[in-house]
Amino acid sequence: MKRDWDLIRKILFTLEESPAGAMMAHQMLGNSREPVSHHIAILSDAKLIQVRYELVEAPATCDNVIRLTWEGHEFLDKIRQDSIWNEVKSTAKNKSLDLTFDIIGKITGSVVSRILNLP
């Protein structure tokens, strides 16, 4: 399954805004279970969120999200503003770059430097 950065951003925002404790991500996001579970798993792999895995059926799914990690909050803060996020996506597309955490970090750094008029 291809990584969907807009869904990733939506998951992070939803978790940040949810009450403390676990949430059923696919229900809160209104998406089907499979893509949400996949993206939650890769967010967990990236150590941006902490999840509780449950073997419900084969293959295992994970949609009980416990919390954002420190790294998850830091990443979300980089892509929080719609204007910055849209510019990140546009810049990557115009430069024929695939979005990665590294590319997102570099582009957001460049955008913020320009906003602050830094060299």
N, C-alpha and C. Protein backbone atom coordinates (compact mmCIF):
# COMPACT_ATOMS: atom_id res chain seq x y z
N MET A 1 0.85 -1.18 0.00
CA MET A 1 0.00 0.00 0.00
C MET A 1 0.90 1.24 0.00
N LYS A 2 0.55 2.20 -0.82
CA LYS A 2 1.32 3.43 -0.94
C LYS A 2 1.05 4.35 0.26
N ARG A 3 2.10 5.01 0.69
CA ARG A 3 1.97 5.94 1.81
C ARG A 3 1.12 7.14 1.39
N ASP A 4 0.17 7.51 2.22
CA ASP A 4 -0.73 8.65 1.97
C ASP A 4 -0.44 9.70 3.02
N TRP A 5 0.33 10.72 2.64
CA TRP A 5 0.77 11.73 3.60
C TRP A 5 -0.38 12.55 4.16
N ASP A 6 -1.43 12.76 3.37
CA ASP A 6 -2.59 13.50 3.90
C ASP A 6 -3.31 12.68 4.96
N LEU A 7 -3.40 11.37 4.77
CA LEU A 7 -4.00 10.50 5.79
C LEU A 7 -3.11 10.47 7.03
N ILE A 8 -1.81 10.43 6.85
CA ILE A 8 -0.88 10.46 7.98
C ILE A 8 -1.10 11.74 8.80
N ARG A 9 -1.18 12.85 8.12
CA ARG A 9 -1.41 14.14 8.79
C ARG A 9 -2.76 14.13 9.53
N LYS A 10 -3.78 13.57 8.88
CA LYS A 10 -5.11 13.48 9.49
C LYS A 10 -5.09 12.62 10.75
N ILE A 11 -4.37 11.50 10.70
CA ILE A 11 -4.26 10.62 11.87
C ILE A 11 -3.58 11.37 13.02
N LEU A 12 -2.50 12.07 12.72
CA LEU A 12 -1.77 12.79 13.77
C LEU A 12 -2.62 13.88 14.38
N PHE A 13 -3.34 14.65 13.55
CA PHE A 13 -4.23 15.69 14.08
C PHE A 13 -5.33 15.08 14.94
N THR A 14 -5.93 14.00 14.47
CA THR A 14 -7.02 13.35 15.21
C THR A 14 -6.54 12.86 16.56
N LEU A 15 -5.36 12.26 16.59
CA LEU A 15 -4.82 11.78 17.86
C LEU A 15 -4.51 12.93 18.80
N GLU A 16 -3.93 14.00 18.27
CA GLU A 16 -3.61 15.16 19.11
C GLU A 16 -4.86 15.75 19.74
N GLU A 17 -5.96 15.75 19.00
CA GLU A 17 -7.20 16.37 19.48
C GLU A 17 -8.07 15.44 20.31
N SER A 18 -7.73 14.15 20.34
CA SER A 18 -8.56 13.19 21.07
C SER A 18 -8.27 13.27 22.56
N PRO A 19 -9.24 12.84 23.37
CA PRO A 19 -9.00 12.80 24.80
C PRO A 19 -7.87 11.83 25.13
N ALA A 20 -7.31 11.98 26.29
CA ALA A 20 -6.22 11.09 26.71
C ALA A 20 -6.66 9.63 26.63
N GLY A 21 -5.73 8.79 26.27
CA GLY A 21 -6.04 7.37 26.18
C GLY A 21 -6.19 6.91 24.75
N ALA A 22 -6.57 5.68 24.61
CA ALA A 22 -6.65 5.05 23.29
C ALA A 22 -7.84 5.56 22.50
N MET A 23 -7.74 5.45 21.20
CA MET A 23 -8.86 5.79 20.33
C MET A 23 -8.96 4.73 19.24
N MET A 24 -10.13 4.55 18.72
CA MET A 24 -10.32 3.66 17.58
C MET A 24 -10.18 4.54 16.34
N ALA A 25 -9.00 4.53 15.76
CA ALA A 25 -8.65 5.49 14.70
C ALA A 25 -9.56 5.42 13.49
N HIS A 26 -9.84 4.24 12.99
CA HIS A 26 -10.63 4.19 11.75
C HIS A 26 -12.04 4.71 11.97
N GLN A 27 -12.58 4.53 13.16
CA GLN A 27 -13.92 5.04 13.44
C GLN A 27 -13.91 6.56 13.56
N MET A 28 -12.88 7.11 14.21
CA MET A 28 -12.80 8.55 14.38
C MET A 28 -12.52 9.27 13.07
N LEU A 29 -11.77 8.62 12.18
CA LEU A 29 -11.38 9.25 10.93
C LEU A 29 -12.42 9.06 9.83
N GLY A 30 -13.33 8.11 10.01
CA GLY A 30 -14.34 7.86 9.00
C GLY A 30 -13.79 7.18 7.76
N ASN A 31 -12.65 6.54 7.87
CA ASN A 31 -12.05 5.81 6.75
C ASN A 31 -12.23 4.32 6.96
N SER A 32 -11.97 3.56 5.91
CA SER A 32 -12.01 2.11 6.06
C SER A 32 -10.82 1.65 6.90
N ARG A 33 -10.95 0.50 7.47
CA ARG A 33 -9.98 0.00 8.45
C ARG A 33 -8.60 -0.27 7.85
N GLU A 34 -8.54 -0.87 6.67
CA GLU A 34 -7.26 -1.31 6.13
C GLU A 34 -6.25 -0.18 5.91
N PRO A 35 -6.61 0.90 5.18
CA PRO A 35 -5.60 1.95 4.99
C PRO A 35 -5.22 2.64 6.30
N VAL A 36 -6.18 2.83 7.19
CA VAL A 36 -5.87 3.48 8.46
C VAL A 36 -4.94 2.60 9.29
N SER A 37 -5.24 1.32 9.37
CA SER A 37 -4.39 0.40 10.14
C SER A 37 -2.99 0.35 9.56
N HIS A 38 -2.88 0.32 8.24
CA HIS A 38 -1.56 0.30 7.60
C HIS A 38 -0.77 1.56 7.97
N HIS A 39 -1.41 2.71 7.87
CA HIS A 39 -0.70 3.96 8.16
C HIS A 39 -0.39 4.11 9.64
N ILE A 40 -1.24 3.58 10.49
CA ILE A 40 -0.94 3.58 11.92
C ILE A 40 0.27 2.69 12.18
N ALA A 41 0.34 1.56 11.51
CA ALA A 41 1.49 0.67 11.69
C ALA A 41 2.79 1.35 11.26
N ILE A 42 2.77 2.05 10.12
CA ILE A 42 4.02 2.69 9.68
C ILE A 42 4.35 3.92 10.54
N LEU A 43 3.33 4.59 11.07
CA LEU A 43 3.61 5.68 12.02
C LEU A 43 4.23 5.14 13.29
N SER A 44 3.79 3.96 13.72
CA SER A 44 4.39 3.30 14.87
C SER A 44 5.82 2.88 14.55
N ASP A 45 6.04 2.33 13.35
CA ASP A 45 7.40 1.97 12.93
C ASP A 45 8.34 3.18 12.98
N ALA A 46 7.80 4.35 12.61
CA ALA A 46 8.59 5.57 12.59
C ALA A 46 8.71 6.21 13.98
N LYS A 47 8.07 5.59 14.96
CA LYS A 47 8.10 6.05 16.35
C LYS A 47 7.43 7.41 16.55
N LEU A 48 6.42 7.70 15.71
CA LEU A 48 5.66 8.94 15.85
C LEU A 48 4.44 8.75 16.74
N ILE A 49 3.98 7.51 16.84
CA ILE A 49 2.84 7.20 17.71
C ILE A 49 3.12 5.91 18.45
N GLN A 50 2.38 5.72 19.55
CA GLN A 50 2.45 4.47 20.29
C GLN A 50 1.09 3.80 20.14
N VAL A 51 1.10 2.52 19.79
CA VAL A 51 -0.14 1.78 19.59
C VAL A 51 -0.16 0.51 20.43
N ARG A 52 -1.35 0.01 20.63
CA ARG A 52 -1.54 -1.29 21.26
C ARG A 52 -2.05 -2.21 20.16
N TYR A 53 -1.25 -3.20 19.83
CA TYR A 53 -1.62 -4.13 18.76
C TYR A 53 -2.58 -5.17 19.30
N GLU A 54 -3.59 -5.48 18.51
CA GLU A 54 -4.56 -6.50 18.87
C GLU A 54 -4.72 -7.45 17.70
N LEU A 55 -4.67 -8.72 17.98
CA LEU A 55 -4.91 -9.72 16.94
C LEU A 55 -6.41 -9.96 16.86
N VAL A 56 -7.03 -9.30 15.92
CA VAL A 56 -8.48 -9.43 15.75
C VAL A 56 -8.77 -10.48 14.70
N GLU A 57 -8.02 -10.47 13.66
CA GLU A 57 -8.17 -11.42 12.57
C GLU A 57 -6.84 -11.47 11.84
N ALA A 58 -6.66 -12.47 11.02
CA ALA A 58 -5.42 -12.56 10.25
C ALA A 58 -5.60 -11.76 8.97
N PRO A 59 -4.70 -10.91 8.59
CA PRO A 59 -3.51 -10.51 9.33
C PRO A 59 -3.85 -9.56 10.47
N ALA A 60 -2.91 -9.37 11.36
CA ALA A 60 -3.14 -8.50 12.51
C ALA A 60 -3.36 -7.06 12.06
N THR A 61 -4.22 -6.36 12.77
CA THR A 61 -4.44 -4.93 12.51
C THR A 61 -4.11 -4.17 13.78
N CYS A 62 -3.89 -2.90 13.63
CA CYS A 62 -3.59 -2.09 14.82
C CYS A 62 -4.31 -0.76 14.69
N ASP A 63 -5.42 -0.60 15.37
CA ASP A 63 -6.10 0.68 15.31
C ASP A 63 -6.43 1.22 16.69
N ASN A 64 -5.82 0.66 17.71
CA ASN A 64 -5.95 1.24 19.05
C ASN A 64 -4.71 2.09 19.30
N VAL A 65 -4.84 3.35 19.04
CA VAL A 65 -3.71 4.26 19.20
C VAL A 65 -3.71 4.76 20.63
N ILE A 66 -2.54 4.71 21.25
CA ILE A 66 -2.44 5.14 22.64
C ILE A 66 -2.10 6.62 22.73
N ARG A 67 -1.07 7.05 21.98
CA ARG A 67 -0.68 8.46 22.09
C ARG A 67 0.31 8.82 21.00
N LEU A 68 0.46 10.14 20.83
CA LEU A 68 1.56 10.68 20.03
C LEU A 68 2.83 10.62 20.87
N THR A 69 3.94 10.32 20.26
CA THR A 69 5.22 10.39 20.96
C THR A 69 5.76 11.81 20.84
N TRP A 70 6.87 12.07 21.52
CA TRP A 70 7.53 13.38 21.40
C TRP A 70 7.85 13.67 19.93
N GLU A 71 8.41 12.66 19.24
CA GLU A 71 8.76 12.81 17.83
C GLU A 71 7.51 13.07 16.99
N GLY A 72 6.39 12.45 17.36
CA GLY A 72 5.14 12.68 16.65
C GLY A 72 4.66 14.11 16.79
N HIS A 73 4.75 14.66 18.00
CA HIS A 73 4.39 16.07 18.21
C HIS A 73 5.31 16.98 17.41
N GLU A 74 6.60 16.69 17.42
CA GLU A 74 7.57 17.52 16.69
C GLU A 74 7.27 17.50 15.19
N PHE A 75 7.01 16.31 14.65
CA PHE A 75 6.71 16.21 13.22
C PHE A 75 5.41 16.93 12.89
N LEU A 76 4.39 16.74 13.70
CA LEU A 76 3.11 17.41 13.45
C LEU A 76 3.27 18.92 13.48
N ASP A 77 4.08 19.43 14.39
CA ASP A 77 4.30 20.87 14.45
C ASP A 77 4.95 21.40 13.17
N LYS A 78 5.78 20.58 12.52
CA LYS A 78 6.40 21.00 11.25
C LYS A 78 5.37 21.15 10.14
N ILE A 79 4.33 20.32 10.16
CA ILE A 79 3.37 20.30 9.05
C ILE A 79 1.98 20.79 9.47
N ARG A 80 1.90 21.46 10.59
CA ARG A 80 0.61 21.88 11.15
C ARG A 80 -0.13 22.89 10.27
N GLN A 81 0.54 23.93 9.84
CA GLN A 81 -0.10 24.99 9.07
C GLN A 81 -0.42 24.51 7.65
N ASP A 82 -1.67 24.69 7.25
CA ASP A 82 -2.08 24.27 5.91
C ASP A 82 -1.22 24.91 4.83
N SER A 83 -0.90 26.19 5.00
CA SER A 83 -0.11 26.89 3.97
C SER A 83 1.27 26.26 3.83
N ILE A 84 1.90 25.91 4.94
CA ILE A 84 3.22 25.28 4.89
C ILE A 84 3.09 23.87 4.31
N TRP A 85 2.10 23.10 4.75
CA TRP A 85 1.92 21.74 4.25
C TRP A 85 1.69 21.75 2.73
N ASN A 86 0.84 22.67 2.27
CA ASN A 86 0.57 22.74 0.83
C ASN A 86 1.82 23.13 0.05
N GLU A 87 2.63 24.01 0.62
CA GLU A 87 3.87 24.40 -0.04
C GLU A 87 4.88 23.25 -0.06
N VAL A 88 4.91 22.47 1.00
CA VAL A 88 5.79 21.29 1.04
C VAL A 88 5.41 20.34 -0.09
N LYS A 89 4.12 20.03 -0.19
CA LYS A 89 3.67 19.11 -1.23
C LYS A 89 3.93 19.67 -2.63
N SER A 90 3.65 20.95 -2.81
CA SER A 90 3.85 21.59 -4.11
C SER A 90 5.33 21.61 -4.50
N THR A 91 6.19 21.96 -3.57
CA THR A 91 7.63 22.01 -3.84
C THR A 91 8.15 20.63 -4.21
N ALA A 92 7.77 19.63 -3.44
CA ALA A 92 8.22 18.26 -3.73
C ALA A 92 7.75 17.82 -5.11
N LYS A 93 6.51 18.12 -5.45
CA LYS A 93 5.97 17.74 -6.75
C LYS A 93 6.70 18.47 -7.88
N ASN A 94 6.91 19.78 -7.71
CA ASN A 94 7.58 20.58 -8.74
C ASN A 94 9.02 20.13 -8.96
N LYS A 95 9.66 19.61 -7.92
CA LYS A 95 11.04 19.14 -8.01
C LYS A 95 11.11 17.64 -8.30
N SER A 96 9.97 17.02 -8.54
CA SER A 96 9.88 15.58 -8.80
C SER A 96 10.49 14.75 -7.68
N LEU A 97 10.20 15.15 -6.44
CA LEU A 97 10.70 14.44 -5.27
C LEU A 97 9.56 13.68 -4.60
N ASP A 98 9.85 12.47 -4.15
CA ASP A 98 8.90 11.74 -3.33
C ASP A 98 8.98 12.30 -1.91
N LEU A 99 7.83 12.39 -1.25
CA LEU A 99 7.82 12.88 0.13
C LEU A 99 8.40 11.82 1.06
N THR A 100 9.35 12.22 1.86
CA THR A 100 9.92 11.41 2.93
C THR A 100 10.01 12.32 4.14
N PHE A 101 10.27 11.73 5.31
CA PHE A 101 10.44 12.56 6.50
C PHE A 101 11.58 13.55 6.30
N ASP A 102 12.66 13.10 5.69
CA ASP A 102 13.82 13.96 5.46
C ASP A 102 13.47 15.11 4.52
N ILE A 103 12.82 14.81 3.40
CA ILE A 103 12.44 15.84 2.43
C ILE A 103 11.46 16.83 3.07
N ILE A 104 10.48 16.32 3.80
CA ILE A 104 9.52 17.20 4.47
C ILE A 104 10.25 18.14 5.43
N GLY A 105 11.20 17.60 6.20
CA GLY A 105 11.97 18.43 7.13
C GLY A 105 12.77 19.51 6.43
N LYS A 106 13.40 19.16 5.32
CA LYS A 106 14.20 20.14 4.58
C LYS A 106 13.33 21.22 3.96
N ILE A 107 12.22 20.82 3.36
CA ILE A 107 11.35 21.82 2.74
C ILE A 107 10.72 22.72 3.80
N THR A 108 10.24 22.15 4.90
CA THR A 108 9.64 23.01 5.94
C THR A 108 10.69 23.95 6.51
N GLY A 109 11.92 23.48 6.67
CA GLY A 109 12.99 24.37 7.14
C GLY A 109 13.22 25.52 6.19
N SER A 110 13.21 25.24 4.90
CA SER A 110 13.39 26.27 3.89
C SER A 110 12.23 27.26 3.89
N VAL A 111 11.00 26.75 4.00
CA VAL A 111 9.82 27.61 4.02
C VAL A 111 9.85 28.52 5.26
N VAL A 112 10.15 27.96 6.41
CA VAL A 112 10.19 28.74 7.65
C VAL A 112 11.30 29.79 7.57
N SER A 113 12.45 29.42 7.03
CA SER A 113 13.55 30.39 6.88
C SER A 113 13.13 31.56 6.00
N ARG A 114 12.42 31.24 4.92
CA ARG A 114 11.94 32.31 4.03
C ARG A 114 10.92 33.19 4.73
N ILE A 115 10.01 32.58 5.49
CA ILE A 115 9.01 33.35 6.23
C ILE A 115 9.67 34.30 7.24
N LEU A 116 10.73 33.80 7.89
CA LEU A 116 11.44 34.60 8.90
C LEU A 116 12.51 35.49 8.30
N ASN A 117 12.65 35.45 6.98
CA ASN A 117 13.68 36.23 6.28
C ASN A 117 15.09 35.89 6.76
N LEU A 118 15.34 34.60 6.96
CA LEU A 118 16.67 34.13 7.37
C LEU A 118 17.47 33.79 6.12
N PRO A 119 18.79 33.92 6.20
CA PRO A 119 19.62 33.59 5.02
C PRO A 119 19.61 32.11 4.70
